[in-house]
Amino acid sequence: MAFIIMVFFALTGLLLFSWFNFTIGSFKIMGGLFLFRTAWLMLQGEGKVLHPVHSKSEISLVPLAIPLISGPGTIVTTVVLFSQTQSTLEQGMLLAAIGIVIFITYYILRESRHIMRIVHDKGIRVLNKLMGLILGSIAVQFVINGIIDTLPLIMKAIS
Protein backbone atom coordinates (compact mmCIF):
# COMPACT_ATOMS: atom_id res chain seq x y z
CA MET A 1 0.00 0.00 0.00
CA ALA A 2 2.82 2.43 0.89
CA PHE A 3 4.48 1.77 -2.49
CA ILE A 4 1.23 2.53 -4.34
CA ILE A 5 0.75 5.78 -2.42
CA MET A 6 4.31 6.93 -3.10
CA VAL A 7 4.18 6.05 -6.80
CA PHE A 8 0.79 7.78 -7.12
CA PHE A 9 2.17 11.04 -5.70
CA ALA A 10 5.40 10.73 -7.70
CA LEU A 11 3.41 10.48 -10.92
CA THR A 12 0.63 12.96 -10.11
CA GLY A 13 2.29 15.44 -7.74
CA LEU A 14 3.19 18.02 -10.35
CA LEU A 15 -0.29 17.78 -11.84
CA LEU A 16 -1.73 18.56 -8.42
CA PHE A 17 0.57 21.60 -8.22
CA SER A 18 -0.75 23.01 -11.45
CA TRP A 19 -4.32 22.30 -10.38
CA PHE A 20 -3.85 24.19 -7.10
CA ASN A 21 -1.72 26.80 -8.90
CA PHE A 22 1.38 26.64 -6.74
CA THR A 23 5.00 26.06 -7.60
CA ILE A 24 7.40 23.28 -6.75
CA GLY A 25 9.43 25.93 -4.90
CA SER A 26 6.62 26.63 -2.46
CA PHE A 27 6.14 22.89 -1.96
CA LYS A 28 9.86 22.48 -1.28
CA ILE A 29 9.75 25.23 1.34
CA MET A 30 6.67 23.84 3.10
CA GLY A 31 7.96 20.28 2.82
CA GLY A 32 11.32 21.36 4.20
CA LEU A 33 9.65 23.03 7.16
CA PHE A 34 7.55 19.93 7.80
CA LEU A 35 10.57 17.63 7.55
CA PHE A 36 12.53 19.95 9.81
CA ARG A 37 9.80 19.74 12.45
CA THR A 38 9.97 15.95 12.28
CA ALA A 39 13.77 16.03 12.48
CA TRP A 40 13.59 18.38 15.46
CA LEU A 41 11.29 16.00 17.31
CA MET A 42 13.68 13.14 16.54
CA LEU A 43 16.61 15.15 17.92
CA GLN A 44 14.68 16.03 21.08
CA GLY A 45 15.00 12.43 22.14
CA GLU A 46 13.06 10.29 24.54
CA GLY A 47 9.31 10.32 24.95
CA LYS A 48 8.50 12.10 21.71
CA VAL A 49 5.90 10.46 19.50
CA LEU A 50 6.09 11.47 15.86
CA HIS A 51 2.71 10.11 14.85
CA PRO A 52 0.44 9.97 17.89
CA VAL A 53 -2.83 8.08 17.65
CA HIS A 54 -5.41 9.86 19.77
CA SER A 55 -8.11 7.23 19.98
CA LYS A 56 -8.68 3.57 19.27
CA SER A 57 -11.08 4.42 16.45
CA GLU A 58 -8.30 6.23 14.57
CA ILE A 59 -6.26 3.04 14.47
CA SER A 60 -8.87 1.41 12.26
CA LEU A 61 -9.39 4.52 10.11
CA VAL A 62 -5.77 5.18 9.20
CA PRO A 63 -3.73 2.22 7.97
CA LEU A 64 -0.11 1.93 9.07
CA ALA A 65 1.18 2.48 5.53
CA ILE A 66 -0.19 6.01 5.25
CA PRO A 67 0.94 7.93 8.35
CA LEU A 68 4.11 6.05 9.19
CA ILE A 69 5.63 4.76 5.98
CA SER A 70 4.20 7.03 3.30
CA GLY A 71 3.05 10.01 5.31
CA PRO A 72 3.37 13.71 4.52
CA GLY A 73 7.16 13.80 4.81
CA THR A 74 7.57 10.87 2.45
CA ILE A 75 5.06 12.31 -0.01
CA VAL A 76 6.87 15.68 -0.01
CA THR A 77 10.23 13.99 -0.57
CA THR A 78 8.86 11.76 -3.33
CA VAL A 79 7.21 14.62 -5.24
CA VAL A 80 10.24 16.90 -4.91
CA LEU A 81 12.69 14.21 -6.02
CA PHE A 82 10.44 13.15 -8.91
CA SER A 83 10.15 16.79 -10.04
CA GLN A 84 13.95 16.94 -10.27
CA THR A 85 14.25 13.96 -12.61
CA GLN A 86 15.21 14.87 -16.16
CA SER A 87 14.66 11.64 -18.07
CA THR A 88 12.53 8.54 -18.14
CA LEU A 89 15.57 6.57 -16.95
CA GLU A 90 15.91 8.78 -13.85
CA GLN A 91 12.18 8.45 -13.17
CA GLY A 92 12.44 4.66 -13.44
CA MET A 93 15.45 4.65 -11.14
CA LEU A 94 13.54 6.72 -8.57
CA LEU A 95 10.55 4.37 -8.73
CA ALA A 96 12.92 1.40 -8.34
CA ALA A 97 14.53 3.14 -5.35
CA ILE A 98 11.09 3.59 -3.80
CA GLY A 99 10.45 -0.13 -4.27
CA ILE A 100 13.80 -1.03 -2.69
CA VAL A 101 13.17 1.26 0.28
CA ILE A 102 9.71 -0.24 0.80
CA PHE A 103 11.22 -3.75 0.71
CA ILE A 104 13.94 -2.78 3.22
CA THR A 105 11.31 -1.15 5.45
CA TYR A 106 9.19 -4.31 5.31
CA TYR A 107 12.20 -6.45 6.21
CA ILE A 108 13.20 -4.18 9.13
CA LEU A 109 9.64 -4.17 10.50
CA ARG A 110 9.39 -7.93 10.11
CA GLU A 111 12.71 -8.50 11.87
CA SER A 112 12.31 -5.72 14.46
CA ARG A 113 12.40 -8.07 17.46
CA HIS A 114 15.75 -9.46 16.38
CA ILE A 115 17.10 -5.99 15.60
CA MET A 116 15.99 -4.71 19.03
CA ARG A 117 17.91 -7.54 20.73
CA ILE A 118 21.06 -6.45 18.92
CA VAL A 119 20.71 -2.65 19.09
CA HIS A 120 18.86 -2.20 22.44
CA ASP A 121 17.11 0.98 23.57
CA LYS A 122 20.26 3.13 23.70
CA GLY A 123 21.18 2.14 20.17
CA ILE A 124 17.69 3.06 18.95
CA ARG A 125 18.01 6.49 20.60
CA VAL A 126 21.40 7.06 18.98
CA LEU A 127 20.07 5.96 15.56
CA ASN A 128 17.00 8.17 16.02
CA LYS A 129 19.17 11.23 16.72
CA LEU A 130 21.52 10.42 13.84
CA MET A 131 18.59 10.04 11.45
CA GLY A 132 17.08 13.27 12.84
CA LEU A 133 20.31 15.09 12.01
CA ILE A 134 20.34 13.70 8.47
CA LEU A 135 16.64 14.46 7.99
CA GLY A 136 17.18 18.00 9.31
CA SER A 137 19.95 18.54 6.78
CA ILE A 138 17.70 17.33 3.96
CA ALA A 139 14.94 19.62 5.24
CA VAL A 140 17.20 22.69 5.26
CA GLN A 141 18.36 21.88 1.73
CA PHE A 142 14.72 21.60 0.60
CA VAL A 143 14.03 25.09 2.01
CA ILE A 144 17.16 26.53 0.36
CA ASN A 145 16.21 24.96 -2.99
CA GLY A 146 12.64 26.21 -2.60
CA ILE A 147 13.84 29.76 -1.95
CA ILE A 148 16.16 29.59 -4.96
CA ASP A 149 13.25 28.32 -7.12
CA THR A 150 10.85 30.97 -5.81
CA LEU A 151 13.18 33.99 -5.76
CA PRO A 152 12.85 34.79 -9.50
CA LEU A 153 9.04 34.80 -9.15
CA ILE A 154 9.27 37.13 -6.16
CA MET A 155 11.65 39.46 -8.00
CA LYS A 156 9.38 39.47 -11.04
CA ALA A 157 6.35 40.32 -8.88
CA ILE A 158 8.22 43.16 -7.17
CA SER A 159 9.39 44.82 -10.40
C-alpha atoms as a PDB file:
ATOM      1  CA  MET A   1       0.000   0.000   0.000  1.00  0.00           C
ATOM      2  CA  ALA A   2       2.815   2.430   0.887  1.00  0.00           C
ATOM      3  CA  PHE A   3       4.477   1.773  -2.494  1.00  0.00           C
ATOM      4  CA  ILE A   4       1.229   2.530  -4.342  1.00  0.00           C
ATOM      5  CA  ILE A   5       0.748   5.781  -2.420  1.00  0.00           C
ATOM      6  CA  MET A   6       4.306   6.927  -3.098  1.00  0.00           C
ATOM      7  CA  VAL A   7       4.176   6.051  -6.800  1.00  0.00           C
ATOM      8  CA  PHE A   8       0.791   7.784  -7.116  1.00  0.00           C
ATOM      9  CA  PHE A   9       2.170  11.041  -5.700  1.00  0.00           C
ATOM     10  CA  ALA A  10       5.398  10.733  -7.695  1.00  0.00           C
ATOM     11  CA  LEU A  11       3.411  10.481 -10.919  1.00  0.00           C
ATOM     12  CA  THR A  12       0.628  12.965 -10.106  1.00  0.00           C
ATOM     13  CA  GLY A  13       2.293  15.439  -7.736  1.00  0.00           C
ATOM     14  CA  LEU A  14       3.190  18.024 -10.350  1.00  0.00           C
ATOM     15  CA  LEU A  15      -0.290  17.776 -11.843  1.00  0.00           C
ATOM     16  CA  LEU A  16      -1.727  18.558  -8.420  1.00  0.00           C
ATOM     17  CA  PHE A  17       0.571  21.596  -8.216  1.00  0.00           C
ATOM     18  CA  SER A  18      -0.751  23.012 -11.448  1.00  0.00           C
ATOM     19  CA  TRP A  19      -4.323  22.299 -10.384  1.00  0.00           C
ATOM     20  CA  PHE A  20      -3.852  24.193  -7.102  1.00  0.00           C
ATOM     21  CA  ASN A  21      -1.716  26.801  -8.905  1.00  0.00           C
ATOM     22  CA  PHE A  22       1.383  26.636  -6.740  1.00  0.00           C
ATOM     23  CA  THR A  23       5.000  26.058  -7.603  1.00  0.00           C
ATOM     24  CA  ILE A  24       7.397  23.278  -6.751  1.00  0.00           C
ATOM     25  CA  GLY A  25       9.432  25.927  -4.902  1.00  0.00           C
ATOM     26  CA  SER A  26       6.617  26.631  -2.460  1.00  0.00           C
ATOM     27  CA  PHE A  27       6.136  22.895  -1.956  1.00  0.00           C
ATOM     28  CA  LYS A  28       9.857  22.480  -1.278  1.00  0.00           C
ATOM     29  CA  ILE A  29       9.754  25.231   1.344  1.00  0.00           C
ATOM     30  CA  MET A  30       6.672  23.840   3.098  1.00  0.00           C
ATOM     31  CA  GLY A  31       7.964  20.281   2.815  1.00  0.00           C
ATOM     32  CA  GLY A  32      11.324  21.360   4.195  1.00  0.00           C
ATOM     33  CA  LEU A  33       9.653  23.029   7.163  1.00  0.00           C
ATOM     34  CA  PHE A  34       7.546  19.931   7.798  1.00  0.00           C
ATOM     35  CA  LEU A  35      10.567  17.625   7.546  1.00  0.00           C
ATOM     36  CA  PHE A  36      12.534  19.953   9.810  1.00  0.00           C
ATOM     37  CA  ARG A  37       9.800  19.740  12.452  1.00  0.00           C
ATOM     38  CA  THR A  38       9.967  15.951  12.281  1.00  0.00           C
ATOM     39  CA  ALA A  39      13.769  16.032  12.479  1.00  0.00           C
ATOM     40  CA  TRP A  40      13.594  18.385  15.462  1.00  0.00           C
ATOM     41  CA  LEU A  41      11.291  15.995  17.307  1.00  0.00           C
ATOM     42  CA  MET A  42      13.682  13.141  16.543  1.00  0.00           C
ATOM     43  CA  LEU A  43      16.605  15.147  17.925  1.00  0.00           C
ATOM     44  CA  GLN A  44      14.683  16.033  21.080  1.00  0.00           C
ATOM     45  CA  GLY A  45      14.996  12.433  22.142  1.00  0.00           C
ATOM     46  CA  GLU A  46      13.059  10.292  24.541  1.00  0.00           C
ATOM     47  CA  GLY A  47       9.311  10.320  24.947  1.00  0.00           C
ATOM     48  CA  LYS A  48       8.499  12.100  21.712  1.00  0.00           C
ATOM     49  CA  VAL A  49       5.904  10.462  19.505  1.00  0.00           C
ATOM     50  CA  LEU A  50       6.093  11.465  15.861  1.00  0.00           C
ATOM     51  CA  HIS A  51       2.712  10.106  14.846  1.00  0.00           C
ATOM     52  CA  PRO A  52       0.442   9.971  17.887  1.00  0.00           C
ATOM     53  CA  VAL A  53      -2.834   8.085  17.653  1.00  0.00           C
ATOM     54  CA  HIS A  54      -5.406   9.859  19.775  1.00  0.00           C
ATOM     55  CA  SER A  55      -8.108   7.225  19.978  1.00  0.00           C
ATOM     56  CA  LYS A  56      -8.684   3.569  19.270  1.00  0.00           C
ATOM     57  CA  SER A  57     -11.078   4.419  16.446  1.00  0.00           C
ATOM     58  CA  GLU A  58      -8.297   6.235  14.572  1.00  0.00           C
ATOM     59  CA  ILE A  59      -6.260   3.038  14.471  1.00  0.00           C
ATOM     60  CA  SER A  60      -8.873   1.414  12.261  1.00  0.00           C
ATOM     61  CA  LEU A  61      -9.388   4.519  10.113  1.00  0.00           C
ATOM     62  CA  VAL A  62      -5.772   5.177   9.198  1.00  0.00           C
ATOM     63  CA  PRO A  63      -3.725   2.225   7.970  1.00  0.00           C
ATOM     64  CA  LEU A  64      -0.106   1.931   9.069  1.00  0.00           C
ATOM     65  CA  ALA A  65       1.181   2.477   5.531  1.00  0.00           C
ATOM     66  CA  ILE A  66      -0.194   6.006   5.254  1.00  0.00           C
ATOM     67  CA  PRO A  67       0.939   7.926   8.347  1.00  0.00           C
ATOM     68  CA  LEU A  68       4.112   6.049   9.194  1.00  0.00           C
ATOM     69  CA  ILE A  69       5.633   4.760   5.979  1.00  0.00           C
ATOM     70  CA  SER A  70       4.201   7.031   3.298  1.00  0.00           C
ATOM     71  CA  GLY A  71       3.051  10.007   5.306  1.00  0.00           C
ATOM     72  CA  PRO A  72       3.366  13.713   4.523  1.00  0.00           C
ATOM     73  CA  GLY A  73       7.155  13.799   4.810  1.00  0.00           C
ATOM     74  CA  THR A  74       7.569  10.874   2.452  1.00  0.00           C
ATOM     75  CA  ILE A  75       5.062  12.310  -0.006  1.00  0.00           C
ATOM     76  CA  VAL A  76       6.869  15.682  -0.007  1.00  0.00           C
ATOM     77  CA  THR A  77      10.225  13.988  -0.567  1.00  0.00           C
ATOM     78  CA  THR A  78       8.857  11.756  -3.330  1.00  0.00           C
ATOM     79  CA  VAL A  79       7.215  14.617  -5.236  1.00  0.00           C
ATOM     80  CA  VAL A  80      10.237  16.900  -4.913  1.00  0.00           C
ATOM     81  CA  LEU A  81      12.690  14.214  -6.017  1.00  0.00           C
ATOM     82  CA  PHE A  82      10.445  13.146  -8.909  1.00  0.00           C
ATOM     83  CA  SER A  83      10.154  16.786 -10.039  1.00  0.00           C
ATOM     84  CA  GLN A  84      13.953  16.938 -10.267  1.00  0.00           C
ATOM     85  CA  THR A  85      14.254  13.958 -12.609  1.00  0.00           C
ATOM     86  CA  GLN A  86      15.211  14.869 -16.158  1.00  0.00           C
ATOM     87  CA  SER A  87      14.661  11.645 -18.069  1.00  0.00           C
ATOM     88  CA  THR A  88      12.530   8.535 -18.135  1.00  0.00           C
ATOM     89  CA  LEU A  89      15.572   6.573 -16.947  1.00  0.00           C
ATOM     90  CA  GLU A  90      15.906   8.779 -13.852  1.00  0.00           C
ATOM     91  CA  GLN A  91      12.183   8.445 -13.171  1.00  0.00           C
ATOM     92  CA  GLY A  92      12.442   4.660 -13.441  1.00  0.00           C
ATOM     93  CA  MET A  93      15.453   4.653 -11.136  1.00  0.00           C
ATOM     94  CA  LEU A  94      13.538   6.723  -8.572  1.00  0.00           C
ATOM     95  CA  LEU A  95      10.549   4.370  -8.732  1.00  0.00           C
ATOM     96  CA  ALA A  96      12.920   1.405  -8.339  1.00  0.00           C
ATOM     97  CA  ALA A  97      14.529   3.135  -5.352  1.00  0.00           C
ATOM     98  CA  ILE A  98      11.087   3.587  -3.803  1.00  0.00           C
ATOM     99  CA  GLY A  99      10.448  -0.132  -4.266  1.00  0.00           C
ATOM    100  CA  ILE A 100      13.795  -1.026  -2.692  1.00  0.00           C
ATOM    101  CA  VAL A 101      13.172   1.261   0.282  1.00  0.00           C
ATOM    102  CA  ILE A 102       9.711  -0.245   0.804  1.00  0.00           C
ATOM    103  CA  PHE A 103      11.222  -3.749   0.708  1.00  0.00           C
ATOM    104  CA  ILE A 104      13.938  -2.784   3.218  1.00  0.00           C
ATOM    105  CA  THR A 105      11.309  -1.154   5.453  1.00  0.00           C
ATOM    106  CA  TYR A 106       9.190  -4.313   5.313  1.00  0.00           C
ATOM    107  CA  TYR A 107      12.202  -6.448   6.211  1.00  0.00           C
ATOM    108  CA  ILE A 108      13.196  -4.183   9.128  1.00  0.00           C
ATOM    109  CA  LEU A 109       9.642  -4.168  10.497  1.00  0.00           C
ATOM    110  CA  ARG A 110       9.394  -7.929  10.108  1.00  0.00           C
ATOM    111  CA  GLU A 111      12.713  -8.497  11.874  1.00  0.00           C
ATOM    112  CA  SER A 112      12.307  -5.720  14.459  1.00  0.00           C
ATOM    113  CA  ARG A 113      12.400  -8.066  17.465  1.00  0.00           C
ATOM    114  CA  HIS A 114      15.752  -9.461  16.378  1.00  0.00           C
ATOM    115  CA  ILE A 115      17.099  -5.994  15.596  1.00  0.00           C
ATOM    116  CA  MET A 116      15.989  -4.709  19.029  1.00  0.00           C
ATOM    117  CA  ARG A 117      17.910  -7.539  20.733  1.00  0.00           C
ATOM    118  CA  ILE A 118      21.064  -6.445  18.919  1.00  0.00           C
ATOM    119  CA  VAL A 119      20.713  -2.654  19.090  1.00  0.00           C
ATOM    120  CA  HIS A 120      18.860  -2.202  22.437  1.00  0.00           C
ATOM    121  CA  ASP A 121      17.114   0.984  23.571  1.00  0.00           C
ATOM    122  CA  LYS A 122      20.262   3.127  23.702  1.00  0.00           C
ATOM    123  CA  GLY A 123      21.179   2.142  20.165  1.00  0.00           C
ATOM    124  CA  ILE A 124      17.692   3.063  18.953  1.00  0.00           C
ATOM    125  CA  ARG A 125      18.008   6.485  20.603  1.00  0.00           C
ATOM    126  CA  VAL A 126      21.402   7.056  18.976  1.00  0.00           C
ATOM    127  CA  LEU A 127      20.068   5.964  15.558  1.00  0.00           C
ATOM    128  CA  ASN A 128      17.001   8.171  16.021  1.00  0.00           C
ATOM    129  CA  LYS A 129      19.166  11.227  16.720  1.00  0.00           C
ATOM    130  CA  LEU A 130      21.522  10.425  13.844  1.00  0.00           C
ATOM    131  CA  MET A 131      18.586  10.037  11.449  1.00  0.00           C
ATOM    132  CA  GLY A 132      17.079  13.267  12.843  1.00  0.00           C
ATOM    133  CA  LEU A 133      20.305  15.085  12.014  1.00  0.00           C
ATOM    134  CA  ILE A 134      20.341  13.696   8.474  1.00  0.00           C
ATOM    135  CA  LEU A 135      16.637  14.462   7.986  1.00  0.00           C
ATOM    136  CA  GLY A 136      17.180  17.997   9.311  1.00  0.00           C
ATOM    137  CA  SER A 137      19.954  18.542   6.776  1.00  0.00           C
ATOM    138  CA  ILE A 138      17.701  17.328   3.962  1.00  0.00           C
ATOM    139  CA  ALA A 139      14.938  19.622   5.236  1.00  0.00           C
ATOM    140  CA  VAL A 140      17.197  22.690   5.265  1.00  0.00           C
ATOM    141  CA  GLN A 141      18.355  21.882   1.729  1.00  0.00           C
ATOM    142  CA  PHE A 142      14.717  21.602   0.604  1.00  0.00           C
ATOM    143  CA  VAL A 143      14.033  25.087   2.012  1.00  0.00           C
ATOM    144  CA  ILE A 144      17.164  26.526   0.362  1.00  0.00           C
ATOM    145  CA  ASN A 145      16.211  24.958  -2.991  1.00  0.00           C
ATOM    146  CA  GLY A 146      12.640  26.214  -2.596  1.00  0.00           C
ATOM    147  CA  ILE A 147      13.844  29.765  -1.955  1.00  0.00           C
ATOM    148  CA  ILE A 148      16.161  29.593  -4.962  1.00  0.00           C
ATOM    149  CA  ASP A 149      13.248  28.322  -7.120  1.00  0.00           C
ATOM    150  CA  THR A 150      10.847  30.973  -5.808  1.00  0.00           C
ATOM    151  CA  LEU A 151      13.179  33.986  -5.760  1.00  0.00           C
ATOM    152  CA  PRO A 152      12.846  34.785  -9.504  1.00  0.00           C
ATOM    153  CA  LEU A 153       9.045  34.797  -9.151  1.00  0.00           C
ATOM    154  CA  ILE A 154       9.273  37.132  -6.164  1.00  0.00           C
ATOM    155  CA  MET A 155      11.654  39.455  -7.999  1.00  0.00           C
ATOM    156  CA  LYS A 156       9.377  39.475 -11.039  1.00  0.00           C
ATOM    157  CA  ALA A 157       6.349  40.320  -8.879  1.00  0.00           C
ATOM    158  CA  ILE A 158       8.219  43.163  -7.171  1.00  0.00           C
ATOM    159  CA  SER A 159       9.391  44.820 -10.405  1.00  0.00           C
END
